[in-house]
Amino acid sequence: MKKIAILIENMYEEPELLYPYYRLKEEGYEVHLIGPEKDKVYTGKHGYPMKSTHASKDVKAKDYDAVIVPGGYSPDYMRRCNDTINFVKEMDKLQKPIAAICHGPWIMASACNLKGKRVTSFFSIKDDLINAGAQYVDEEVVVDGNLITSRTPNDLVAFVKAIIEKVK
């Protein structure tokens, strides 16, 4: 069974975590919620709680087939955890799929080599991605190598379809 990591921190955008979580479970994947701490309840922007299954310090990229970074304000908190950044860096080094939506590509700016890569995101972090060397495009879903990006919850169906296609 393929294993997918979804990063979690406080202030996540609920649809961007919950839709991939349940959709990928429905596809038969084992899905783990990876936070800075194991078995901690993290609360979304609108108050919905989800509990992490693993701590980022305890996971290895070699054990996962993909990682997903939901948006909201959680990526700003995620970037403060060196173990989380190192996990994503290792996923990128292994060329495993890294999927980020909305503000999620902030993690890519911190952990991935974006030079010349095509990416999208919520418009407010466009400059951060360009400054990290990416080529910003305004599209529903962008796949460039191992990177998958989307803009907003309105893009979730295309985003998750792209993830499933990449992980098959």
N, C-alpha and C. Protein backbone atom coordinates (compact mmCIF):
# COMPACT_ATOMS: atom_id res chain seq x y z
N MET A 1 0.84 -1.19 0.00
CA MET A 1 0.00 0.00 0.00
C MET A 1 0.88 1.25 0.00
N LYS A 2 0.56 2.18 -0.87
CA LYS A 2 1.34 3.42 -0.94
C LYS A 2 0.98 4.32 0.24
N LYS A 3 2.01 5.07 0.72
CA LYS A 3 1.85 5.93 1.89
C LYS A 3 2.00 7.39 1.48
N ILE A 4 1.05 8.20 1.93
CA ILE A 4 1.04 9.63 1.66
C ILE A 4 1.14 10.38 2.98
N ALA A 5 2.00 11.38 3.03
CA ALA A 5 2.10 12.27 4.19
C ALA A 5 1.36 13.56 3.88
N ILE A 6 0.54 14.01 4.80
CA ILE A 6 -0.05 15.34 4.72
C ILE A 6 0.46 16.11 5.92
N LEU A 7 1.09 17.24 5.66
CA LEU A 7 1.61 18.06 6.75
C LEU A 7 0.46 18.78 7.44
N ILE A 8 0.58 18.91 8.76
CA ILE A 8 -0.46 19.59 9.54
C ILE A 8 0.18 20.52 10.55
N GLU A 9 -0.45 21.65 10.73
CA GLU A 9 -0.09 22.65 11.74
C GLU A 9 -1.34 23.46 12.01
N ASN A 10 -1.33 24.27 13.05
CA ASN A 10 -2.48 25.12 13.34
C ASN A 10 -2.75 26.10 12.20
N MET A 11 -4.02 26.45 12.06
CA MET A 11 -4.48 27.42 11.07
C MET A 11 -4.48 26.89 9.64
N TYR A 12 -4.56 25.54 9.49
CA TYR A 12 -4.67 24.98 8.14
C TYR A 12 -6.02 25.34 7.54
N GLU A 13 -6.08 25.39 6.22
CA GLU A 13 -7.34 25.60 5.50
C GLU A 13 -8.05 24.26 5.44
N GLU A 14 -9.17 24.13 6.16
CA GLU A 14 -9.83 22.84 6.33
C GLU A 14 -10.07 22.05 5.03
N PRO A 15 -10.68 22.64 4.00
CA PRO A 15 -10.91 21.84 2.79
C PRO A 15 -9.62 21.33 2.15
N GLU A 16 -8.55 22.10 2.27
CA GLU A 16 -7.28 21.73 1.63
C GLU A 16 -6.57 20.59 2.36
N LEU A 17 -6.95 20.32 3.59
CA LEU A 17 -6.43 19.16 4.31
C LEU A 17 -7.43 18.00 4.23
N LEU A 18 -8.69 18.29 4.48
CA LEU A 18 -9.69 17.22 4.58
C LEU A 18 -10.02 16.56 3.24
N TYR A 19 -10.16 17.34 2.18
CA TYR A 19 -10.50 16.73 0.90
C TYR A 19 -9.41 15.76 0.43
N PRO A 20 -8.13 16.16 0.38
CA PRO A 20 -7.10 15.18 0.00
C PRO A 20 -7.03 14.00 0.98
N TYR A 21 -7.18 14.26 2.27
CA TYR A 21 -7.09 13.21 3.29
C TYR A 21 -8.10 12.10 2.99
N TYR A 22 -9.36 12.47 2.88
CA TYR A 22 -10.39 11.45 2.66
C TYR A 22 -10.39 10.91 1.24
N ARG A 23 -10.10 11.73 0.27
CA ARG A 23 -10.09 11.27 -1.13
C ARG A 23 -8.99 10.24 -1.36
N LEU A 24 -7.82 10.46 -0.78
CA LEU A 24 -6.71 9.51 -0.94
C LEU A 24 -6.95 8.23 -0.15
N LYS A 25 -7.59 8.33 1.01
CA LYS A 25 -7.97 7.12 1.75
C LYS A 25 -8.96 6.31 0.92
N GLU A 26 -9.88 7.00 0.28
CA GLU A 26 -10.86 6.34 -0.57
C GLU A 26 -10.19 5.60 -1.72
N GLU A 27 -9.08 6.13 -2.21
CA GLU A 27 -8.32 5.49 -3.29
C GLU A 27 -7.50 4.29 -2.80
N GLY A 28 -7.45 4.11 -1.48
CA GLY A 28 -6.73 2.97 -0.93
C GLY A 28 -5.33 3.28 -0.41
N TYR A 29 -4.96 4.55 -0.35
CA TYR A 29 -3.66 4.93 0.18
C TYR A 29 -3.69 4.97 1.70
N GLU A 30 -2.55 4.71 2.33
CA GLU A 30 -2.36 4.93 3.76
C GLU A 30 -1.96 6.39 3.90
N VAL A 31 -2.71 7.15 4.68
CA VAL A 31 -2.48 8.60 4.79
C VAL A 31 -2.12 8.94 6.23
N HIS A 32 -0.97 9.59 6.41
CA HIS A 32 -0.52 10.02 7.73
C HIS A 32 -0.57 11.54 7.82
N LEU A 33 -0.95 12.04 8.98
CA LEU A 33 -0.90 13.48 9.25
C LEU A 33 0.37 13.75 10.05
N ILE A 34 1.28 14.49 9.43
CA ILE A 34 2.60 14.73 10.01
C ILE A 34 2.67 16.16 10.55
N GLY A 35 2.86 16.28 11.85
CA GLY A 35 3.00 17.60 12.48
C GLY A 35 4.30 17.69 13.23
N PRO A 36 4.60 18.84 13.78
CA PRO A 36 5.80 18.96 14.60
C PRO A 36 5.79 18.01 15.79
N GLU A 37 4.58 17.67 16.28
CA GLU A 37 4.45 16.74 17.40
C GLU A 37 3.47 15.62 17.05
N LYS A 38 3.73 14.42 17.55
CA LYS A 38 2.84 13.27 17.34
C LYS A 38 1.65 13.34 18.30
N ASP A 39 0.50 12.90 17.80
CA ASP A 39 -0.72 12.82 18.61
C ASP A 39 -1.15 14.16 19.21
N LYS A 40 -0.82 15.23 18.53
CA LYS A 40 -1.25 16.56 18.96
C LYS A 40 -2.43 16.99 18.10
N VAL A 41 -3.39 17.65 18.73
CA VAL A 41 -4.54 18.18 17.99
C VAL A 41 -4.16 19.55 17.45
N TYR A 42 -4.29 19.69 16.13
CA TYR A 42 -4.06 20.97 15.44
C TYR A 42 -5.42 21.47 14.97
N THR A 43 -5.61 22.77 15.04
CA THR A 43 -6.91 23.36 14.73
C THR A 43 -6.82 24.18 13.45
N GLY A 44 -7.80 23.98 12.57
CA GLY A 44 -7.86 24.71 11.32
C GLY A 44 -8.29 26.15 11.52
N LYS A 45 -8.27 26.91 10.43
CA LYS A 45 -8.65 28.33 10.46
C LYS A 45 -10.06 28.55 10.99
N HIS A 46 -10.92 27.60 10.73
CA HIS A 46 -12.33 27.75 11.12
C HIS A 46 -12.68 26.88 12.33
N GLY A 47 -11.65 26.36 13.02
CA GLY A 47 -11.86 25.67 14.27
C GLY A 47 -11.94 24.16 14.22
N TYR A 48 -11.81 23.54 13.03
CA TYR A 48 -11.93 22.09 12.95
C TYR A 48 -10.63 21.43 13.42
N PRO A 49 -10.73 20.50 14.40
CA PRO A 49 -9.53 19.85 14.94
C PRO A 49 -9.18 18.56 14.19
N MET A 50 -7.90 18.32 13.99
CA MET A 50 -7.39 17.05 13.47
C MET A 50 -6.14 16.72 14.27
N LYS A 51 -5.95 15.41 14.55
CA LYS A 51 -4.80 14.98 15.35
C LYS A 51 -3.71 14.40 14.46
N SER A 52 -2.49 14.82 14.69
CA SER A 52 -1.35 14.27 13.94
C SER A 52 -1.16 12.80 14.31
N THR A 53 -0.69 12.05 13.33
CA THR A 53 -0.39 10.63 13.57
C THR A 53 1.09 10.41 13.79
N HIS A 54 1.91 11.35 13.33
CA HIS A 54 3.36 11.22 13.43
C HIS A 54 3.98 12.61 13.63
N ALA A 55 5.16 12.63 14.22
CA ALA A 55 5.95 13.86 14.33
C ALA A 55 6.94 13.89 13.18
N SER A 56 7.19 15.07 12.64
CA SER A 56 8.10 15.19 11.50
C SER A 56 9.51 14.71 11.86
N LYS A 57 9.90 14.79 13.11
CA LYS A 57 11.24 14.32 13.50
C LYS A 57 11.36 12.80 13.42
N ASP A 58 10.22 12.10 13.39
CA ASP A 58 10.22 10.64 13.41
C ASP A 58 9.98 9.99 12.04
N VAL A 59 9.77 10.79 11.00
CA VAL A 59 9.46 10.21 9.69
C VAL A 59 10.64 10.36 8.74
N LYS A 60 10.69 9.46 7.76
CA LYS A 60 11.75 9.45 6.75
C LYS A 60 11.12 9.51 5.37
N ALA A 61 11.68 10.32 4.52
CA ALA A 61 11.15 10.49 3.17
C ALA A 61 11.11 9.17 2.41
N LYS A 62 12.07 8.30 2.63
CA LYS A 62 12.13 7.02 1.91
C LYS A 62 10.90 6.15 2.17
N ASP A 63 10.18 6.43 3.27
CA ASP A 63 9.01 5.63 3.64
C ASP A 63 7.71 6.15 3.04
N TYR A 64 7.75 7.26 2.30
CA TYR A 64 6.54 7.88 1.76
C TYR A 64 6.62 7.99 0.24
N ASP A 65 5.44 7.96 -0.37
CA ASP A 65 5.34 8.06 -1.82
C ASP A 65 5.04 9.48 -2.27
N ALA A 66 4.55 10.33 -1.37
CA ALA A 66 4.25 11.73 -1.69
C ALA A 66 4.01 12.48 -0.38
N VAL A 67 4.12 13.80 -0.47
CA VAL A 67 3.76 14.67 0.66
C VAL A 67 2.86 15.77 0.12
N ILE A 68 1.86 16.13 0.92
CA ILE A 68 0.91 17.19 0.57
C ILE A 68 1.00 18.28 1.62
N VAL A 69 1.01 19.53 1.14
CA VAL A 69 1.06 20.69 2.03
C VAL A 69 -0.20 21.51 1.82
N PRO A 70 -1.15 21.45 2.77
CA PRO A 70 -2.33 22.29 2.65
C PRO A 70 -1.99 23.75 2.94
N GLY A 71 -2.90 24.63 2.60
CA GLY A 71 -2.66 26.06 2.80
C GLY A 71 -3.27 26.58 4.09
N GLY A 72 -3.87 27.73 3.97
CA GLY A 72 -4.27 28.49 5.15
C GLY A 72 -3.01 29.19 5.65
N TYR A 73 -2.97 29.44 6.94
CA TYR A 73 -1.78 30.08 7.51
C TYR A 73 -0.80 29.05 8.07
N SER A 74 -1.18 27.77 8.02
CA SER A 74 -0.33 26.73 8.60
C SER A 74 1.06 26.64 7.98
N PRO A 75 1.25 26.87 6.67
CA PRO A 75 2.63 26.77 6.15
C PRO A 75 3.60 27.75 6.81
N ASP A 76 3.10 28.89 7.27
CA ASP A 76 3.98 29.82 7.98
C ASP A 76 4.49 29.19 9.28
N TYR A 77 3.63 28.44 9.96
CA TYR A 77 4.04 27.73 11.17
C TYR A 77 4.92 26.53 10.83
N MET A 78 4.57 25.81 9.76
CA MET A 78 5.35 24.63 9.34
C MET A 78 6.79 25.01 9.07
N ARG A 79 7.00 26.16 8.45
CA ARG A 79 8.35 26.59 8.08
C ARG A 79 9.23 26.86 9.29
N ARG A 80 8.66 26.96 10.45
CA ARG A 80 9.42 27.21 11.68
C ARG A 80 9.98 25.94 12.30
N CYS A 81 9.57 24.78 11.75
CA CYS A 81 10.00 23.48 12.29
C CYS A 81 11.05 22.87 11.36
N ASN A 82 12.30 22.85 11.84
CA ASN A 82 13.39 22.33 11.01
C ASN A 82 13.16 20.89 10.57
N ASP A 83 12.56 20.07 11.42
CA ASP A 83 12.31 18.68 11.06
C ASP A 83 11.33 18.57 9.90
N THR A 84 10.34 19.45 9.88
CA THR A 84 9.37 19.46 8.78
C THR A 84 10.06 19.89 7.49
N ILE A 85 10.85 20.93 7.55
CA ILE A 85 11.58 21.41 6.36
C ILE A 85 12.53 20.32 5.86
N ASN A 86 13.23 19.67 6.77
CA ASN A 86 14.17 18.62 6.36
C ASN A 86 13.46 17.43 5.72
N PHE A 87 12.28 17.08 6.21
CA PHE A 87 11.49 16.01 5.61
C PHE A 87 11.14 16.36 4.16
N VAL A 88 10.67 17.59 3.94
CA VAL A 88 10.30 18.01 2.58
C VAL A 88 11.55 18.11 1.70
N LYS A 89 12.65 18.60 2.24
CA LYS A 89 13.91 18.66 1.48
C LYS A 89 14.32 17.27 1.00
N GLU A 90 14.20 16.29 1.89
CA GLU A 90 14.57 14.92 1.54
C GLU A 90 13.62 14.35 0.48
N MET A 91 12.33 14.66 0.59
CA MET A 91 11.37 14.23 -0.43
C MET A 91 11.77 14.81 -1.79
N ASP A 92 12.18 16.08 -1.80
CA ASP A 92 12.58 16.72 -3.05
C ASP A 92 13.86 16.09 -3.59
N LYS A 93 14.81 15.83 -2.71
CA LYS A 93 16.08 15.20 -3.11
C LYS A 93 15.82 13.84 -3.76
N LEU A 94 14.83 13.11 -3.25
CA LEU A 94 14.47 11.80 -3.80
C LEU A 94 13.52 11.90 -5.00
N GLN A 95 13.18 13.13 -5.36
CA GLN A 95 12.27 13.40 -6.49
C GLN A 95 10.90 12.76 -6.30
N LYS A 96 10.45 12.70 -5.05
CA LYS A 96 9.12 12.19 -4.76
C LYS A 96 8.12 13.34 -4.88
N PRO A 97 6.87 13.05 -5.24
CA PRO A 97 5.89 14.12 -5.42
C PRO A 97 5.69 14.97 -4.16
N ILE A 98 5.74 16.27 -4.37
CA ILE A 98 5.44 17.25 -3.32
C ILE A 98 4.31 18.10 -3.88
N ALA A 99 3.16 18.03 -3.23
CA ALA A 99 1.97 18.75 -3.69
C ALA A 99 1.61 19.82 -2.68
N ALA A 100 1.44 21.05 -3.15
CA ALA A 100 1.13 22.16 -2.24
C ALA A 100 0.06 23.04 -2.87
N ILE A 101 -0.87 23.48 -2.04
CA ILE A 101 -1.98 24.30 -2.51
C ILE A 101 -2.08 25.57 -1.67
N CYS A 102 -2.54 26.63 -2.30
CA CYS A 102 -2.79 27.92 -1.63
C CYS A 102 -1.48 28.52 -1.10
N HIS A 103 -1.33 28.60 0.22
CA HIS A 103 -0.09 29.09 0.83
C HIS A 103 0.93 27.97 1.02
N GLY A 104 0.56 26.73 0.69
CA GLY A 104 1.45 25.59 0.85
C GLY A 104 2.78 25.71 0.14
N PRO A 105 2.82 26.34 -1.05
CA PRO A 105 4.12 26.47 -1.72
C PRO A 105 5.16 27.28 -0.95
N TRP A 106 4.76 27.96 0.12
CA TRP A 106 5.75 28.60 0.99
C TRP A 106 6.76 27.56 1.46
N ILE A 107 6.30 26.34 1.74
CA ILE A 107 7.20 25.26 2.16
C ILE A 107 8.19 24.94 1.04
N MET A 108 7.70 24.94 -0.19
CA MET A 108 8.59 24.69 -1.33
C MET A 108 9.68 25.76 -1.41
N ALA A 109 9.31 27.00 -1.13
CA ALA A 109 10.30 28.09 -1.16
C ALA A 109 11.39 27.86 -0.13
N SER A 110 11.04 27.23 0.98
CA SER A 110 12.01 26.96 2.04
C SER A 110 12.77 25.65 1.86
N ALA A 111 12.16 24.67 1.17
CA ALA A 111 12.73 23.32 1.18
C ALA A 111 13.10 22.76 -0.19
N CYS A 112 12.66 23.38 -1.27
CA CYS A 112 12.87 22.81 -2.61
C CYS A 112 13.68 23.76 -3.49
N ASN A 113 14.33 23.19 -4.48
CA ASN A 113 15.00 24.01 -5.48
C ASN A 113 13.96 24.42 -6.51
N LEU A 114 13.51 25.67 -6.45
CA LEU A 114 12.46 26.15 -7.35
C LEU A 114 13.01 26.85 -8.59
N LYS A 115 14.29 26.94 -8.72
CA LYS A 115 14.88 27.67 -9.86
C LYS A 115 14.37 27.11 -11.18
N GLY A 116 13.64 27.97 -11.92
CA GLY A 116 13.13 27.61 -13.24
C GLY A 116 11.90 26.72 -13.22
N LYS A 117 11.41 26.34 -12.06
CA LYS A 117 10.22 25.48 -11.97
C LYS A 117 8.95 26.31 -12.14
N ARG A 118 7.98 25.75 -12.84
CA ARG A 118 6.67 26.38 -12.98
C ARG A 118 5.83 26.01 -11.76
N VAL A 119 5.27 27.01 -11.08
CA VAL A 119 4.42 26.78 -9.92
C VAL A 119 3.28 27.79 -9.91
N THR A 120 2.26 27.46 -9.12
CA THR A 120 1.19 28.40 -8.84
C THR A 120 0.91 28.38 -7.35
N SER A 121 0.05 29.28 -6.89
CA SER A 121 -0.27 29.39 -5.47
C SER A 121 -1.38 30.41 -5.31
N PHE A 122 -1.76 30.67 -4.06
CA PHE A 122 -2.60 31.83 -3.77
C PHE A 122 -1.78 33.06 -4.16
N PHE A 123 -2.42 34.02 -4.79
CA PHE A 123 -1.70 35.15 -5.39
C PHE A 123 -0.82 35.93 -4.42
N SER A 124 -1.15 35.94 -3.14
CA SER A 124 -0.40 36.78 -2.20
C SER A 124 1.02 36.29 -1.93
N ILE A 125 1.34 35.03 -2.28
CA ILE A 125 2.72 34.56 -2.07
C ILE A 125 3.48 34.44 -3.40
N LYS A 126 2.90 34.96 -4.46
CA LYS A 126 3.52 34.94 -5.78
C LYS A 126 4.96 35.49 -5.72
N ASP A 127 5.16 36.64 -5.10
CA ASP A 127 6.49 37.26 -5.04
C ASP A 127 7.50 36.37 -4.31
N ASP A 128 7.06 35.69 -3.25
CA ASP A 128 7.96 34.80 -2.51
C ASP A 128 8.46 33.67 -3.41
N LEU A 129 7.57 33.14 -4.23
CA LEU A 129 7.94 32.04 -5.13
C LEU A 129 8.86 32.53 -6.24
N ILE A 130 8.56 33.69 -6.79
CA ILE A 130 9.42 34.27 -7.82
C ILE A 130 10.81 34.55 -7.23
N ASN A 131 10.85 35.10 -6.02
CA ASN A 131 12.13 35.39 -5.37
C ASN A 131 12.91 34.12 -5.05
N ALA A 132 12.21 32.98 -4.97
CA ALA A 132 12.87 31.69 -4.76
C ALA A 132 13.31 31.07 -6.09
N GLY A 133 13.06 31.78 -7.19
CA GLY A 133 13.53 31.32 -8.49
C GLY A 133 12.49 30.66 -9.36
N ALA A 134 11.26 30.55 -8.88
CA ALA A 134 10.21 29.87 -9.65
C ALA A 134 9.64 30.76 -10.74
N GLN A 135 9.04 30.12 -11.71
CA GLN A 135 8.27 30.81 -12.74
C GLN A 135 6.81 30.69 -12.33
N TYR A 136 6.20 31.79 -11.94
CA TYR A 136 4.83 31.77 -11.45
C TYR A 136 3.84 31.79 -12.61
N VAL A 137 2.84 30.90 -12.56
CA VAL A 137 1.76 30.89 -13.54
C VAL A 137 0.43 30.83 -12.80
N ASP A 138 -0.59 31.42 -13.37
CA ASP A 138 -1.92 31.44 -12.77
C ASP A 138 -2.77 30.38 -13.46
N GLU A 139 -2.67 29.14 -12.97
CA GLU A 139 -3.41 28.01 -13.53
C GLU A 139 -3.99 27.17 -12.41
N GLU A 140 -5.03 26.40 -12.72
CA GLU A 140 -5.72 25.56 -11.75
C GLU A 140 -4.79 24.57 -11.05
N VAL A 141 -3.99 23.89 -11.83
CA VAL A 141 -3.00 22.96 -11.28
C VAL A 141 -1.79 23.00 -12.19
N VAL A 142 -0.61 22.97 -11.58
CA VAL A 142 0.65 22.99 -12.33
C VAL A 142 1.50 21.82 -11.85
N VAL A 143 1.94 21.01 -12.82
CA VAL A 143 2.83 19.90 -12.50
C VAL A 143 4.15 20.17 -13.22
N ASP A 144 5.22 20.25 -12.46
CA ASP A 144 6.55 20.45 -13.04
C ASP A 144 7.50 19.49 -12.32
N GLY A 145 7.86 18.42 -13.00
CA GLY A 145 8.69 17.39 -12.38
C GLY A 145 7.94 16.75 -11.23
N ASN A 146 8.54 16.77 -10.05
CA ASN A 146 7.90 16.17 -8.88
C ASN A 146 7.01 17.15 -8.12
N LEU A 147 6.92 18.40 -8.58
CA LEU A 147 6.14 19.41 -7.87
C LEU A 147 4.75 19.57 -8.47
N ILE A 148 3.74 19.60 -7.59
CA ILE A 148 2.34 19.80 -7.98
C ILE A 148 1.83 20.97 -7.15
N THR A 149 1.28 21.99 -7.83
CA THR A 149 0.77 23.15 -7.09
C THR A 149 -0.59 23.57 -7.62
N SER A 150 -1.40 24.14 -6.72
CA SER A 150 -2.69 24.71 -7.06
C SER A 150 -2.91 25.98 -6.25
N ARG A 151 -3.96 26.73 -6.62
CA ARG A 151 -4.16 28.08 -6.06
C ARG A 151 -5.04 28.14 -4.82
N THR A 152 -6.25 27.56 -4.91
CA THR A 152 -7.26 27.75 -3.87
C THR A 152 -8.10 26.49 -3.71
N PRO A 153 -8.99 26.46 -2.71
CA PRO A 153 -9.88 25.30 -2.57
C PRO A 153 -10.71 25.02 -3.83
N ASN A 154 -10.97 26.03 -4.64
CA ASN A 154 -11.72 25.82 -5.88
C ASN A 154 -10.98 24.89 -6.83
N ASP A 155 -9.69 24.72 -6.65
CA ASP A 155 -8.86 23.87 -7.53
C ASP A 155 -8.65 22.47 -6.97
N LEU A 156 -9.29 22.13 -5.86
CA LEU A 156 -9.01 20.87 -5.17
C LEU A 156 -9.24 19.62 -6.02
N VAL A 157 -10.28 19.58 -6.82
CA VAL A 157 -10.55 18.38 -7.62
C VAL A 157 -9.39 18.13 -8.58
N ALA A 158 -8.97 19.15 -9.31
CA ALA A 158 -7.84 19.00 -10.25
C ALA A 158 -6.55 18.70 -9.50
N PHE A 159 -6.35 19.33 -8.36
CA PHE A 159 -5.16 19.13 -7.53
C PHE A 159 -5.03 17.67 -7.10
N VAL A 160 -6.09 17.12 -6.54
CA VAL A 160 -6.02 15.74 -6.05
C VAL A 160 -5.94 14.75 -7.21
N LYS A 161 -6.61 15.03 -8.32
CA LYS A 161 -6.47 14.17 -9.51
C LYS A 161 -5.02 14.12 -9.96
N ALA A 162 -4.34 15.26 -9.95
CA ALA A 162 -2.93 15.32 -10.36
C ALA A 162 -2.05 14.51 -9.39
N ILE A 163 -2.36 14.57 -8.10
CA ILE A 163 -1.61 13.80 -7.11
C ILE A 163 -1.78 12.31 -7.36
N ILE A 164 -3.01 11.88 -7.54
CA ILE A 164 -3.30 10.47 -7.77
C ILE A 164 -2.60 9.99 -9.03
N GLU A 165 -2.64 10.79 -10.07
CA GLU A 165 -1.97 10.41 -11.33
C GLU A 165 -0.46 10.28 -11.15
N LYS A 166 0.12 11.17 -10.38
CA LYS A 166 1.58 11.16 -10.16
C LYS A 166 2.03 9.99 -9.29
N VAL A 167 1.20 9.60 -8.33
CA VAL A 167 1.59 8.57 -7.37
C VAL A 167 1.31 7.16 -7.87
N LYS A 168 0.46 7.01 -8.87
CA LYS A 168 0.09 5.67 -9.39
C LYS A 168 1.29 4.77 -9.62
